[in-house]
Amino acid sequence: MVLSASAEHVVIIGGGATSALIAVRLAERGFRVTVLEKAQVGNGSSSRSAAGIRAQFSTEETVVGMQYSEWWYSHFHDLLHSPIDVRQQSVMRQNGYLFLYEKP
């Protein structure tokens, strides 16, 4: 996406997790943002993703990024000003990992 210095209004097509984060970041920088979504924001393929937020990495930057992701998803509805009825839907479900090692 290329924004000119005079851009004031941005329209984002699709309301998945990435689009929602972009919308929040642009709004924080003073842009007027409209998200066009056929259903509910965050309710499409992003809501059915089996992706995980994993903080067991070896570089500090990656750990900080994952910690931020966890914070962002736990505040998803507040950041996007979701309607009350949508706030009942969980955005993130915490679970755990089990790593098994078998010596070859």
Protein backbone atom coordinates (compact mmCIF):
# COMPACT_ATOMS: atom_id res chain seq x y z
CA MET A 1 0.00 0.00 0.00
CA VAL A 2 1.39 3.39 -0.98
CA LEU A 3 0.08 6.44 0.84
CA SER A 4 0.64 9.95 -0.39
CA ALA A 5 1.46 12.74 2.02
CA SER A 6 -2.04 14.13 1.42
CA ALA A 7 -3.92 10.86 2.02
CA GLU A 8 -6.52 11.29 4.75
CA HIS A 9 -8.95 8.43 4.19
CA VAL A 10 -7.95 4.81 3.66
CA VAL A 11 -10.33 2.03 2.64
CA ILE A 12 -9.27 -1.53 3.51
CA ILE A 13 -11.03 -4.43 1.81
CA GLY A 14 -11.33 -7.45 4.08
CA GLY A 15 -11.51 -7.52 7.86
CA GLY A 16 -9.15 -10.33 8.81
CA ALA A 17 -6.51 -10.12 11.52
CA THR A 18 -3.91 -8.44 9.32
CA SER A 19 -6.37 -5.90 7.93
CA ALA A 20 -7.62 -5.14 11.43
CA LEU A 21 -4.10 -4.47 12.68
CA ILE A 22 -3.37 -2.24 9.68
CA ALA A 23 -6.61 -0.33 10.31
CA VAL A 24 -5.72 0.26 13.96
CA ARG A 25 -2.19 1.40 13.12
CA LEU A 26 -3.40 3.82 10.43
CA ALA A 27 -6.08 5.24 12.75
CA GLU A 28 -3.44 5.74 15.46
CA ARG A 29 -1.50 7.82 12.94
CA GLY A 30 -4.47 10.07 12.24
CA PHE A 31 -5.96 8.49 9.12
CA ARG A 32 -9.69 8.02 8.73
CA VAL A 33 -10.08 4.30 8.06
CA THR A 34 -12.98 2.33 6.62
CA VAL A 35 -12.85 -1.47 6.69
CA LEU A 36 -15.12 -3.23 4.21
CA GLU A 37 -15.97 -6.75 5.39
CA LYS A 38 -18.78 -8.98 4.10
CA ALA A 39 -19.43 -10.52 7.53
CA GLN A 40 -17.88 -9.49 10.86
CA VAL A 41 -14.36 -8.19 11.38
CA GLY A 42 -12.05 -11.06 12.31
CA ASN A 43 -14.74 -13.63 11.57
CA GLY A 44 -13.41 -15.07 8.31
CA SER A 45 -10.47 -17.36 7.73
CA SER A 46 -8.48 -15.49 10.41
CA SER A 47 -10.91 -16.74 13.04
CA ARG A 48 -10.49 -20.35 11.91
CA SER A 49 -6.72 -20.29 11.71
CA ALA A 50 -4.80 -22.91 13.63
CA ALA A 51 -1.91 -20.48 13.99
CA GLY A 52 -0.29 -20.03 17.34
CA ILE A 53 1.54 -17.31 19.19
CA ARG A 54 4.73 -18.90 20.42
CA ALA A 55 7.21 -17.07 22.66
CA GLN A 56 9.91 -19.75 22.89
CA PHE A 57 12.29 -18.25 20.37
CA SER A 58 15.98 -17.49 20.65
CA THR A 59 16.04 -13.87 19.46
CA GLU A 60 14.84 -11.02 21.64
CA GLU A 61 13.07 -9.30 18.73
CA THR A 62 10.95 -12.36 17.99
CA VAL A 63 10.00 -12.82 21.64
CA VAL A 64 9.02 -9.14 21.92
CA GLY A 65 6.94 -9.46 18.73
CA MET A 66 5.13 -12.53 20.03
CA GLN A 67 4.46 -10.84 23.40
CA TYR A 68 3.00 -7.87 21.53
CA SER A 69 0.82 -10.23 19.45
CA GLU A 70 -0.54 -11.82 22.60
CA TRP A 71 -1.34 -8.40 24.07
CA TRP A 72 -2.92 -7.18 20.81
CA TYR A 73 -5.21 -10.18 20.41
CA SER A 74 -6.28 -10.03 24.07
CA HIS A 75 -7.34 -6.37 23.47
CA PHE A 76 -8.74 -6.98 19.96
CA HIS A 77 -12.31 -5.84 20.65
CA ASP A 78 -11.24 -2.74 22.59
CA LEU A 79 -8.80 -1.66 19.89
CA LEU A 80 -11.39 -2.13 17.14
CA HIS A 81 -14.29 -0.70 19.16
CA SER A 82 -16.31 -3.86 18.51
CA PRO A 83 -20.06 -3.74 19.17
CA ILE A 84 -21.22 -5.31 22.45
CA ASP A 85 -22.74 -8.39 20.77
CA VAL A 86 -19.47 -9.13 18.94
CA ARG A 87 -17.40 -8.83 22.12
CA GLN A 88 -18.87 -12.14 23.29
CA GLN A 89 -16.80 -13.91 20.62
CA SER A 90 -13.39 -14.97 21.81
CA VAL A 91 -10.54 -13.85 19.58
CA MET A 92 -7.78 -15.86 21.20
CA ARG A 93 -7.81 -19.18 22.99
CA GLN A 94 -4.80 -19.96 25.10
CA ASN A 95 -3.50 -23.49 25.21
CA GLY A 96 -0.08 -25.03 25.50
CA TYR A 97 2.59 -26.82 23.56
CA LEU A 98 4.18 -30.13 24.34
CA PHE A 99 7.55 -30.72 22.73
CA LEU A 100 8.76 -34.30 22.73
CA TYR A 101 12.31 -35.29 22.01
CA GLU A 102 13.45 -38.73 21.15
CA LYS A 103 17.14 -39.35 20.82
CA PRO A 104 17.75 -40.79 17.33
